[in-house]
PDB file of all heavy atoms in Angstrom:
ATOM      1  N   ALA A   1     -71.651 -50.157  30.898  1.00  0.00           N
ATOM      2  CA  ALA A   1     -72.331 -50.457  29.530  1.00  0.00           C
ATOM      3  C   ALA A   1     -73.527 -51.336  29.712  1.00  0.00           C
ATOM      4  O   ALA A   1     -74.540 -51.143  29.056  1.00  0.00           O
ATOM      5  CB  ALA A   1     -71.328 -51.223  28.675  1.00  0.00           C
ATOM      6  N   LEU A   2     -73.538 -52.304  30.682  1.00  0.00           N
ATOM      7  CA  LEU A   2     -74.595 -53.172  30.905  1.00  0.00           C
ATOM      8  C   LEU A   2     -75.796 -52.402  31.482  1.00  0.00           C
ATOM      9  O   LEU A   2     -76.952 -52.658  31.223  1.00  0.00           O
ATOM     10  CB  LEU A   2     -74.198 -54.363  31.762  1.00  0.00           C
ATOM     11  CG  LEU A   2     -73.214 -55.339  31.158  1.00  0.00           C
ATOM     12  CD1 LEU A   2     -72.832 -56.416  32.179  1.00  0.00           C
ATOM     13  CD2 LEU A   2     -73.793 -55.981  29.863  1.00  0.00           C
ATOM     14  N   GLU A   3     -75.426 -51.465  32.443  1.00  0.00           N
ATOM     15  CA  GLU A   3     -76.489 -50.640  33.053  1.00  0.00           C
ATOM     16  C   GLU A   3     -77.181 -49.817  31.982  1.00  0.00           C
ATOM     17  O   GLU A   3     -78.460 -49.618  32.072  1.00  0.00           O
ATOM     18  CB  GLU A   3     -75.844 -49.627  34.122  1.00  0.00           C
ATOM     19  CG  GLU A   3     -75.436 -50.305  35.408  1.00  0.00           C
ATOM     20  CD  GLU A   3     -74.695 -49.418  36.313  1.00  0.00           C
ATOM     21  OE1 GLU A   3     -74.500 -48.147  35.940  1.00  0.00           O
ATOM     22  OE2 GLU A   3     -74.259 -49.808  37.336  1.00  0.00           O
ATOM     23  N   ASP A   4     -76.492 -49.343  30.946  1.00  0.00           N
ATOM     24  CA  ASP A   4     -77.159 -48.626  29.833  1.00  0.00           C
ATOM     25  C   ASP A   4     -77.742 -49.495  28.820  1.00  0.00           C
ATOM     26  O   ASP A   4     -78.259 -49.019  27.775  1.00  0.00           O
ATOM     27  CB  ASP A   4     -76.124 -47.651  29.174  1.00  0.00           C
ATOM     28  CG  ASP A   4     -75.666 -46.592  30.145  1.00  0.00           C
ATOM     29  OD1 ASP A   4     -76.429 -46.255  31.106  1.00  0.00           O
ATOM     30  OD2 ASP A   4     -74.654 -45.873  29.972  1.00  0.00           O
ATOM     31  N   LYS A   5     -77.754 -50.866  28.999  1.00  0.00           N
ATOM     32  CA  LYS A   5     -78.393 -51.817  28.209  1.00  0.00           C
ATOM     33  C   LYS A   5     -77.775 -51.697  26.764  1.00  0.00           C
ATOM     34  O   LYS A   5     -78.515 -51.784  25.778  1.00  0.00           O
ATOM     35  CB  LYS A   5     -79.871 -51.664  28.142  1.00  0.00           C
ATOM     36  CG  LYS A   5     -80.480 -51.914  29.450  1.00  0.00           C
ATOM     37  CD  LYS A   5     -81.955 -51.911  29.481  1.00  0.00           C
ATOM     38  CE  LYS A   5     -82.639 -52.471  30.720  1.00  0.00           C
ATOM     39  NZ  LYS A   5     -82.022 -52.001  31.989  1.00  0.00           N
ATOM     40  N   LEU A   6     -76.448 -51.550  26.656  1.00  0.00           N
ATOM     41  CA  LEU A   6     -75.844 -51.524  25.282  1.00  0.00           C
ATOM     42  C   LEU A   6     -75.344 -52.899  24.880  1.00  0.00           C
ATOM     43  O   LEU A   6     -74.762 -53.624  25.669  1.00  0.00           O
ATOM     44  CB  LEU A   6     -74.655 -50.495  25.386  1.00  0.00           C
ATOM     45  CG  LEU A   6     -74.919 -49.070  25.745  1.00  0.00           C
ATOM     46  CD1 LEU A   6     -73.646 -48.274  26.031  1.00  0.00           C
ATOM     47  CD2 LEU A   6     -75.696 -48.427  24.691  1.00  0.00           C
ATOM     48  N   PRO A   7     -75.502 -53.215  23.616  1.00  0.00           N
ATOM     49  CA  PRO A   7     -74.922 -54.491  23.085  1.00  0.00           C
ATOM     50  C   PRO A   7     -73.392 -54.454  23.104  1.00  0.00           C
ATOM     51  O   PRO A   7     -72.882 -53.428  22.870  1.00  0.00           O
ATOM     52  CB  PRO A   7     -75.460 -54.599  21.650  1.00  0.00           C
ATOM     53  CG  PRO A   7     -75.855 -53.198  21.266  1.00  0.00           C
ATOM     54  CD  PRO A   7     -76.284 -52.494  22.546  1.00  0.00           C
ATOM     55  N   VAL A   8     -72.788 -55.650  23.275  1.00  0.00           N
ATOM     56  CA  VAL A   8     -71.350 -55.682  23.528  1.00  0.00           C
ATOM     57  C   VAL A   8     -70.741 -56.696  22.460  1.00  0.00           C
ATOM     58  O   VAL A   8     -71.256 -57.725  22.175  1.00  0.00           O
ATOM     59  CB  VAL A   8     -70.980 -56.159  24.851  1.00  0.00           C
ATOM     60  CG1 VAL A   8     -69.527 -56.409  25.080  1.00  0.00           C
ATOM     61  CG2 VAL A   8     -71.567 -55.316  25.971  1.00  0.00           C
ATOM     62  N   ILE A   9     -69.621 -56.202  21.817  1.00  0.00           N
ATOM     63  CA  ILE A   9     -68.777 -57.144  21.028  1.00  0.00           C
ATOM     64  C   ILE A   9     -67.490 -57.382  21.791  1.00  0.00           C
ATOM     65  O   ILE A   9     -66.804 -56.357  22.244  1.00  0.00           O
ATOM     66  CB  ILE A   9     -68.485 -56.488  19.665  1.00  0.00           C
ATOM     67  CG1 ILE A   9     -69.717 -56.214  18.890  1.00  0.00           C
ATOM     68  CG2 ILE A   9     -67.490 -57.408  18.850  1.00  0.00           C
ATOM     69  CD1 ILE A   9     -69.448 -55.433  17.583  1.00  0.00           C
ATOM     70  N   LEU A  10     -67.169 -58.640  22.042  1.00  0.00           N
ATOM     71  CA  LEU A  10     -65.921 -58.953  22.747  1.00  0.00           C
ATOM     72  C   LEU A  10     -64.808 -58.909  21.757  1.00  0.00           C
ATOM     73  O   LEU A  10     -64.818 -59.709  20.785  1.00  0.00           O
ATOM     74  CB  LEU A  10     -66.091 -60.214  23.607  1.00  0.00           C
ATOM     75  CG  LEU A  10     -64.725 -60.715  24.219  1.00  0.00           C
ATOM     76  CD1 LEU A  10     -64.235 -59.718  25.224  1.00  0.00           C
ATOM     77  CD2 LEU A  10     -64.940 -62.089  24.831  1.00  0.00           C
ATOM     78  N   VAL A  11     -63.769 -58.175  22.071  1.00  0.00           N
ATOM     79  CA  VAL A  11     -62.536 -58.152  21.194  1.00  0.00           C
ATOM     80  C   VAL A  11     -61.376 -58.605  22.034  1.00  0.00           C
ATOM     81  O   VAL A  11     -60.974 -57.941  23.009  1.00  0.00           O
ATOM     82  CB  VAL A  11     -62.217 -56.775  20.620  1.00  0.00           C
ATOM     83  CG1 VAL A  11     -60.938 -56.766  19.789  1.00  0.00           C
ATOM     84  CG2 VAL A  11     -63.417 -56.193  19.822  1.00  0.00           C
ATOM     85  N   VAL A  12     -60.907 -59.869  21.805  1.00  0.00           N
ATOM     86  CA  VAL A  12     -59.695 -60.367  22.471  1.00  0.00           C
ATOM     87  C   VAL A  12     -58.417 -59.912  21.754  1.00  0.00           C
ATOM     88  O   VAL A  12     -58.205 -60.328  20.648  1.00  0.00           O
ATOM     89  CB  VAL A  12     -59.773 -61.931  22.672  1.00  0.00           C
ATOM     90  CG1 VAL A  12     -58.551 -62.385  23.345  1.00  0.00           C
ATOM     91  CG2 VAL A  12     -61.027 -62.349  23.217  1.00  0.00           C
ATOM     92  N   ASN A  13     -57.778 -58.956  22.341  1.00  0.00           N
ATOM     93  CA  ASN A  13     -56.655 -58.326  21.629  1.00  0.00           C
ATOM     94  C   ASN A  13     -55.305 -58.934  22.061  1.00  0.00           C
ATOM     95  O   ASN A  13     -55.215 -59.675  23.075  1.00  0.00           O
ATOM     96  CB  ASN A  13     -56.674 -56.740  21.966  1.00  0.00           C
ATOM     97  CG  ASN A  13     -55.694 -55.996  21.056  1.00  0.00           C
ATOM     98  OD1 ASN A  13     -55.457 -56.368  19.922  1.00  0.00           O
ATOM     99  ND2 ASN A  13     -55.162 -54.944  21.598  1.00  0.00           N
ATOM    100  N   LYS A  14     -54.308 -58.594  21.306  1.00  0.00           N
ATOM    101  CA  LYS A  14     -52.872 -59.161  21.576  1.00  0.00           C
ATOM    102  C   LYS A  14     -52.850 -60.640  21.604  1.00  0.00           C
ATOM    103  O   LYS A  14     -52.191 -61.205  22.381  1.00  0.00           O
ATOM    104  CB  LYS A  14     -52.364 -58.550  22.895  1.00  0.00           C
ATOM    105  CG  LYS A  14     -52.421 -57.049  23.041  1.00  0.00           C
ATOM    106  CD  LYS A  14     -51.726 -56.526  24.279  1.00  0.00           C
ATOM    107  CE  LYS A  14     -51.887 -55.060  24.423  1.00  0.00           C
ATOM    108  NZ  LYS A  14     -51.220 -54.500  25.646  1.00  0.00           N
ATOM    109  N   VAL A  15     -53.584 -61.180  20.621  1.00  0.00           N
ATOM    110  CA  VAL A  15     -53.562 -62.696  20.430  1.00  0.00           C
ATOM    111  C   VAL A  15     -52.282 -63.235  20.043  1.00  0.00           C
ATOM    112  O   VAL A  15     -52.001 -64.492  20.101  1.00  0.00           O
ATOM    113  CB  VAL A  15     -54.632 -63.158  19.508  1.00  0.00           C
ATOM    114  CG1 VAL A  15     -56.023 -62.999  20.015  1.00  0.00           C
ATOM    115  CG2 VAL A  15     -54.499 -62.547  18.125  1.00  0.00           C
ATOM    116  N   ASP A  16     -51.251 -62.381  19.562  1.00  0.00           N
ATOM    117  CA  ASP A  16     -49.941 -62.874  19.183  1.00  0.00           C
ATOM    118  C   ASP A  16     -49.038 -62.987  20.438  1.00  0.00           C
ATOM    119  O   ASP A  16     -47.904 -63.408  20.215  1.00  0.00           O
ATOM    120  CB  ASP A  16     -49.373 -61.828  18.129  1.00  0.00           C
ATOM    121  CG  ASP A  16     -49.303 -60.416  18.723  1.00  0.00           C
ATOM    122  OD1 ASP A  16     -50.329 -59.961  19.403  1.00  0.00           O
ATOM    123  OD2 ASP A  16     -48.324 -59.699  18.616  1.00  0.00           O
ATOM    124  N   ARG A  17     -49.510 -62.530  21.639  1.00  0.00           N
ATOM    125  CA  ARG A  17     -48.584 -62.732  22.733  1.00  0.00           C
ATOM    126  C   ARG A  17     -48.191 -64.063  23.011  1.00  0.00           C
ATOM    127  O   ARG A  17     -49.053 -65.024  22.942  1.00  0.00           O
ATOM    128  CB  ARG A  17     -49.204 -62.129  24.013  1.00  0.00           C
ATOM    129  CG  ARG A  17     -49.306 -60.553  24.069  1.00  0.00           C
ATOM    130  CD  ARG A  17     -49.964 -60.097  25.333  1.00  0.00           C
ATOM    131  NE  ARG A  17     -49.089 -60.554  26.514  1.00  0.00           N
ATOM    132  CZ  ARG A  17     -49.203 -59.819  27.685  1.00  0.00           C
ATOM    133  NH1 ARG A  17     -49.915 -58.704  27.828  1.00  0.00           N
ATOM    134  NH2 ARG A  17     -48.512 -60.267  28.725  1.00  0.00           N
ATOM    135  N   PRO A  18     -46.909 -64.460  23.356  1.00  0.00           N
ATOM    136  CA  PRO A  18     -46.484 -65.663  23.611  1.00  0.00           C
ATOM    137  C   PRO A  18     -47.154 -66.362  24.799  1.00  0.00           C
ATOM    138  O   PRO A  18     -47.315 -67.590  24.887  1.00  0.00           O
ATOM    139  CB  PRO A  18     -44.983 -65.650  23.870  1.00  0.00           C
ATOM    140  CG  PRO A  18     -44.753 -64.159  24.075  1.00  0.00           C
ATOM    141  CD  PRO A  18     -45.789 -63.439  23.372  1.00  0.00           C
ATOM    142  N   ASP A  19     -47.687 -65.478  25.801  1.00  0.00           N
ATOM    143  CA  ASP A  19     -48.242 -66.017  26.871  1.00  0.00           C
ATOM    144  C   ASP A  19     -49.894 -65.870  26.831  1.00  0.00           C
ATOM    145  O   ASP A  19     -50.541 -65.900  27.872  1.00  0.00           O
ATOM    146  CB  ASP A  19     -47.760 -65.337  28.170  1.00  0.00           C
ATOM    147  CG  ASP A  19     -47.958 -63.792  28.150  1.00  0.00           C
ATOM    148  OD1 ASP A  19     -48.272 -63.311  27.036  1.00  0.00           O
ATOM    149  OD2 ASP A  19     -47.813 -63.137  29.095  1.00  0.00           O
ATOM    150  N   ALA A  20     -50.389 -65.734  25.657  1.00  0.00           N
ATOM    151  CA  ALA A  20     -51.789 -65.657  25.477  1.00  0.00           C
ATOM    152  C   ALA A  20     -52.495 -66.877  25.909  1.00  0.00           C
ATOM    153  O   ALA A  20     -52.007 -67.982  25.720  1.00  0.00           O
ATOM    154  CB  ALA A  20     -52.112 -65.375  23.953  1.00  0.00           C
ATOM    155  N   ARG A  21     -53.619 -66.730  26.551  1.00  0.00           N
ATOM    156  CA  ARG A  21     -54.508 -67.848  27.070  1.00  0.00           C
ATOM    157  C   ARG A  21     -55.888 -67.491  26.670  1.00  0.00           C
ATOM    158  O   ARG A  21     -56.829 -67.211  27.490  1.00  0.00           O
ATOM    159  CB  ARG A  21     -54.262 -68.048  28.545  1.00  0.00           C
ATOM    160  CG  ARG A  21     -54.151 -66.876  29.334  1.00  0.00           C
ATOM    161  CD  ARG A  21     -53.871 -67.047  30.825  1.00  0.00           C
ATOM    162  NE  ARG A  21     -54.295 -65.850  31.626  1.00  0.00           N
ATOM    163  CZ  ARG A  21     -55.570 -65.781  32.192  1.00  0.00           C
ATOM    164  NH1 ARG A  21     -56.394 -66.732  32.186  1.00  0.00           N
ATOM    165  NH2 ARG A  21     -55.865 -64.603  32.768  1.00  0.00           N
ATOM    166  N   ILE A  22     -56.200 -67.634  25.398  1.00  0.00           N
ATOM    167  CA  ILE A  22     -57.388 -67.060  24.785  1.00  0.00           C
ATOM    168  C   ILE A  22     -58.602 -67.686  25.334  1.00  0.00           C
ATOM    169  O   ILE A  22     -59.523 -67.036  25.741  1.00  0.00           O
ATOM    170  CB  ILE A  22     -57.293 -67.166  23.235  1.00  0.00           C
ATOM    171  CG1 ILE A  22     -56.087 -66.345  22.671  1.00  0.00           C
ATOM    172  CG2 ILE A  22     -58.633 -66.684  22.591  1.00  0.00           C
ATOM    173  CD1 ILE A  22     -55.846 -66.590  21.276  1.00  0.00           C
ATOM    174  N   SER A  23     -58.668 -69.038  25.364  1.00  0.00           N
ATOM    175  CA  SER A  23     -60.033 -69.747  25.735  1.00  0.00           C
ATOM    176  C   SER A  23     -60.339 -69.419  27.248  1.00  0.00           C
ATOM    177  O   SER A  23     -61.432 -69.185  27.589  1.00  0.00           O
ATOM    178  CB  SER A  23     -59.893 -71.165  25.577  1.00  0.00           C
ATOM    179  OG  SER A  23     -58.792 -71.722  26.306  1.00  0.00           O
ATOM    180  N   GLU A  24     -59.238 -69.460  28.083  1.00  0.00           N
ATOM    181  CA  GLU A  24     -59.496 -69.121  29.498  1.00  0.00           C
ATOM    182  C   GLU A  24     -59.968 -67.679  29.658  1.00  0.00           C
ATOM    183  O   GLU A  24     -60.927 -67.417  30.525  1.00  0.00           O
ATOM    184  CB  GLU A  24     -58.177 -69.251  30.293  1.00  0.00           C
ATOM    185  CG  GLU A  24     -57.709 -70.628  30.399  1.00  0.00           C
ATOM    186  CD  GLU A  24     -56.569 -70.990  29.390  1.00  0.00           C
ATOM    187  OE1 GLU A  24     -56.664 -70.493  28.261  1.00  0.00           O
ATOM    188  OE2 GLU A  24     -55.555 -71.695  29.776  1.00  0.00           O
ATOM    189  N   VAL A  25     -59.332 -66.690  28.905  1.00  0.00           N
ATOM    190  CA  VAL A  25     -59.800 -65.312  28.989  1.00  0.00           C
ATOM    191  C   VAL A  25     -61.264 -65.167  28.590  1.00  0.00           C
ATOM    192  O   VAL A  25     -62.053 -64.453  29.272  1.00  0.00           O
ATOM    193  CB  VAL A  25     -58.888 -64.403  28.201  1.00  0.00           C
ATOM    194  CG1 VAL A  25     -59.580 -63.049  27.891  1.00  0.00           C
ATOM    195  CG2 VAL A  25     -57.493 -64.238  28.803  1.00  0.00           C
ATOM    196  N   VAL A  26     -61.654 -65.863  27.554  1.00  0.00           N
ATOM    197  CA  VAL A  26     -63.143 -65.755  27.115  1.00  0.00           C
ATOM    198  C   VAL A  26     -64.035 -66.327  28.178  1.00  0.00           C
ATOM    199  O   VAL A  26     -65.046 -65.729  28.461  1.00  0.00           O
ATOM    200  CB  VAL A  26     -63.362 -66.629  25.786  1.00  0.00           C
ATOM    201  CG1 VAL A  26     -64.771 -66.723  25.378  1.00  0.00           C
ATOM    202  CG2 VAL A  26     -62.555 -65.958  24.644  1.00  0.00           C
ATOM    203  N   ASP A  27     -63.590 -67.463  28.902  1.00  0.00           N
ATOM    204  CA  ASP A  27     -64.382 -68.073  29.914  1.00  0.00           C
ATOM    205  C   ASP A  27     -64.457 -66.979  31.091  1.00  0.00           C
ATOM    206  O   ASP A  27     -65.534 -66.875  31.764  1.00  0.00           O
ATOM    207  CB  ASP A  27     -63.750 -69.307  30.430  1.00  0.00           C
ATOM    208  CG  ASP A  27     -63.904 -70.405  29.514  1.00  0.00           C
ATOM    209  OD1 ASP A  27     -64.762 -70.322  28.551  1.00  0.00           O
ATOM    210  OD2 ASP A  27     -63.264 -71.414  29.539  1.00  0.00           O
ATOM    211  N   GLU A  28     -63.356 -66.235  31.327  1.00  0.00           N
ATOM    212  CA  GLU A  28     -63.369 -65.343  32.536  1.00  0.00           C
ATOM    213  C   GLU A  28     -64.264 -64.130  32.162  1.00  0.00           C
ATOM    214  O   GLU A  28     -65.018 -63.642  33.029  1.00  0.00           O
ATOM    215  CB  GLU A  28     -61.980 -64.706  32.698  1.00  0.00           C
ATOM    216  CG  GLU A  28     -61.051 -65.811  33.379  1.00  0.00           C
ATOM    217  CD  GLU A  28     -59.560 -65.345  33.310  1.00  0.00           C
ATOM    218  OE1 GLU A  28     -59.326 -64.142  33.140  1.00  0.00           O
ATOM    219  OE2 GLU A  28     -58.675 -66.130  33.620  1.00  0.00           O
ATOM    220  N   VAL A  29     -64.363 -63.746  30.895  1.00  0.00           N
ATOM    221  CA  VAL A  29     -65.298 -62.695  30.472  1.00  0.00           C
ATOM    222  C   VAL A  29     -66.785 -63.125  30.666  1.00  0.00           C
ATOM    223  O   VAL A  29     -67.556 -62.364  31.152  1.00  0.00           O
ATOM    224  CB  VAL A  29     -65.087 -62.235  28.997  1.00  0.00           C
ATOM    225  CG1 VAL A  29     -66.157 -61.256  28.575  1.00  0.00           C
ATOM    226  CG2 VAL A  29     -63.714 -61.637  28.957  1.00  0.00           C
ATOM    227  N   TYR A  30     -67.106 -64.421  30.287  1.00  0.00           N
ATOM    228  CA  TYR A  30     -68.536 -64.978  30.462  1.00  0.00           C
ATOM    229  C   TYR A  30     -68.816 -64.836  32.016  1.00  0.00           C
ATOM    230  O   TYR A  30     -69.952 -64.478  32.365  1.00  0.00           O
ATOM    231  CB  TYR A  30     -68.505 -66.373  29.953  1.00  0.00           C
ATOM    232  CG  TYR A  30     -68.834 -66.563  28.550  1.00  0.00           C
ATOM    233  CD1 TYR A  30     -68.025 -67.026  27.574  1.00  0.00           C
ATOM    234  CD2 TYR A  30     -70.114 -65.972  28.018  1.00  0.00           C
ATOM    235  CE1 TYR A  30     -68.294 -67.068  26.198  1.00  0.00           C
ATOM    236  CE2 TYR A  30     -70.456 -66.031  26.662  1.00  0.00           C
ATOM    237  CZ  TYR A  30     -69.495 -66.618  25.712  1.00  0.00           C
ATOM    238  OH  TYR A  30     -69.863 -66.744  24.467  1.00  0.00           O
ATOM    239  N   GLU A  31     -67.853 -65.314  32.830  1.00  0.00           N
ATOM    240  CA  GLU A  31     -68.148 -65.259  34.261  1.00  0.00           C
ATOM    241  C   GLU A  31     -68.352 -63.786  34.732  1.00  0.00           C
ATOM    242  O   GLU A  31     -69.182 -63.589  35.638  1.00  0.00           O
ATOM    243  CB  GLU A  31     -66.831 -65.834  35.039  1.00  0.00           C
ATOM    244  CG  GLU A  31     -66.715 -67.306  34.910  1.00  0.00           C
ATOM    245  CD  GLU A  31     -65.459 -67.799  35.494  1.00  0.00           C
ATOM    246  OE1 GLU A  31     -64.846 -67.079  36.289  1.00  0.00           O
ATOM    247  OE2 GLU A  31     -65.085 -69.044  35.128  1.00  0.00           O
ATOM    248  N   LEU A  32     -67.640 -62.899  34.205  1.00  0.00           N
ATOM    249  CA  LEU A  32     -67.812 -61.479  34.599  1.00  0.00           C
ATOM    250  C   LEU A  32     -69.097 -60.916  34.118  1.00  0.00           C
ATOM    251  O   LEU A  32     -69.808 -60.269  34.950  1.00  0.00           O
ATOM    252  CB  LEU A  32     -66.641 -60.639  33.865  1.00  0.00           C
ATOM    253  CG  LEU A  32     -66.661 -59.084  34.246  1.00  0.00           C
ATOM    254  CD1 LEU A  32     -66.475 -58.846  35.716  1.00  0.00           C
ATOM    255  CD2 LEU A  32     -65.548 -58.501  33.463  1.00  0.00           C
ATOM    256  N   PHE A  33     -69.556 -61.365  33.002  1.00  0.00           N
ATOM    257  CA  PHE A  33     -71.012 -60.870  32.633  1.00  0.00           C
ATOM    258  C   PHE A  33     -72.031 -61.485  33.567  1.00  0.00           C
ATOM    259  O   PHE A  33     -72.942 -60.702  33.945  1.00  0.00           O
ATOM    260  CB  PHE A  33     -71.270 -61.465  31.162  1.00  0.00           C
ATOM    261  CG  PHE A  33     -70.868 -60.454  30.005  1.00  0.00           C
ATOM    262  CD1 PHE A  33     -69.541 -60.322  29.650  1.00  0.00           C
ATOM    263  CD2 PHE A  33     -71.900 -59.811  29.376  1.00  0.00           C
ATOM    264  CE1 PHE A  33     -69.254 -59.445  28.653  1.00  0.00           C
ATOM    265  CE2 PHE A  33     -71.549 -58.913  28.274  1.00  0.00           C
ATOM    266  CZ  PHE A  33     -70.232 -58.765  28.007  1.00  0.00           C
ATOM    267  N   ILE A  34     -71.813 -62.780  33.898  1.00  0.00           N
ATOM    268  CA  ILE A  34     -72.869 -63.334  34.745  1.00  0.00           C
ATOM    269  C   ILE A  34     -72.785 -62.661  36.140  1.00  0.00           C
ATOM    270  O   ILE A  34     -73.821 -62.410  36.757  1.00  0.00           O
ATOM    271  CB  ILE A  34     -72.590 -64.857  34.884  1.00  0.00           C
ATOM    272  CG1 ILE A  34     -72.878 -65.559  33.586  1.00  0.00           C
ATOM    273  CG2 ILE A  34     -73.419 -65.517  36.062  1.00  0.00           C
ATOM    274  CD1 ILE A  34     -72.310 -66.988  33.405  1.00  0.00           C
ATOM    275  N   ASP A  35     -71.560 -62.405  36.602  1.00  0.00           N
ATOM    276  CA  ASP A  35     -71.416 -61.808  37.940  1.00  0.00           C
ATOM    277  C   ASP A  35     -71.966 -60.377  37.936  1.00  0.00           C
ATOM    278  O   ASP A  35     -72.491 -59.942  39.017  1.00  0.00           O
ATOM    279  CB  ASP A  35     -69.860 -61.716  38.153  1.00  0.00           C
ATOM    280  CG  ASP A  35     -69.499 -61.378  39.633  1.00  0.00           C
ATOM    281  OD1 ASP A  35     -70.318 -61.801  40.455  1.00  0.00           O
ATOM    282  OD2 ASP A  35     -68.383 -60.814  39.918  1.00  0.00           O
ATOM    283  N   LEU A  36     -72.050 -59.658  36.823  1.00  0.00           N
ATOM    284  CA  LEU A  36     -72.563 -58.307  36.761  1.00  0.00           C
ATOM    285  C   LEU A  36     -74.075 -58.313  36.438  1.00  0.00           C
ATOM    286  O   LEU A  36     -74.700 -57.252  36.276  1.00  0.00           O
ATOM    287  CB  LEU A  36     -71.802 -57.514  35.774  1.00  0.00           C
ATOM    288  CG  LEU A  36     -70.328 -57.163  36.046  1.00  0.00           C
ATOM    289  CD1 LEU A  36     -69.701 -56.460  34.912  1.00  0.00           C
ATOM    290  CD2 LEU A  36     -70.280 -56.342  37.300  1.00  0.00           C
ATOM    291  N   GLY A  37     -74.662 -59.523  36.426  1.00  0.00           N
ATOM    292  CA  GLY A  37     -76.069 -59.653  36.310  1.00  0.00           C
ATOM    293  C   GLY A  37     -76.569 -59.298  34.836  1.00  0.00           C
ATOM    294  O   GLY A  37     -77.660 -58.689  34.601  1.00  0.00           O
ATOM    295  N   ALA A  38     -75.886 -59.723  33.899  1.00  0.00           N
ATOM    296  CA  ALA A  38     -76.184 -59.394  32.417  1.00  0.00           C
ATOM    297  C   ALA A  38     -77.354 -60.195  31.947  1.00  0.00           C
ATOM    298  O   ALA A  38     -77.557 -61.332  32.500  1.00  0.00           O
ATOM    299  CB  ALA A  38     -74.970 -59.773  31.507  1.00  0.00           C
ATOM    300  N   SER A  39     -78.192 -59.719  31.132  1.00  0.00           N
ATOM    301  CA  SER A  39     -79.345 -60.409  30.592  1.00  0.00           C
ATOM    302  C   SER A  39     -78.905 -61.451  29.604  1.00  0.00           C
ATOM    303  O   SER A  39     -77.792 -61.495  29.144  1.00  0.00           O
ATOM    304  CB  SER A  39     -80.334 -59.447  29.954  1.00  0.00           C
ATOM    305  OG  SER A  39     -79.744 -58.826  28.841  1.00  0.00           O
ATOM    306  N   GLU A  40     -79.779 -62.350  29.229  1.00  0.00           N
ATOM    307  CA  GLU A  40     -79.512 -63.420  28.313  1.00  0.00           C
ATOM    308  C   GLU A  40     -79.029 -62.965  26.985  1.00  0.00           C
ATOM    309  O   GLU A  40     -78.098 -63.365  26.348  1.00  0.00           O
ATOM    310  CB  GLU A  40     -80.791 -64.346  28.145  1.00  0.00           C
ATOM    311  CG  GLU A  40     -80.972 -65.332  29.231  1.00  0.00           C
ATOM    312  CD  GLU A  40     -82.068 -66.329  28.957  1.00  0.00           C
ATOM    313  OE1 GLU A  40     -82.274 -66.666  27.695  1.00  0.00           O
ATOM    314  OE2 GLU A  40     -82.680 -66.712  29.866  1.00  0.00           O
TER     315      GLU A  40
END
């Protein structure tokens, strides 16, 4: 998706799970974007 320069909406699903760790998952996604060379 990033190679095709497509805008992204992050959807964090299954937030009702008892083992959900929402803020950590969002941080991991930010790290993944940076790791893949996403633009600002």
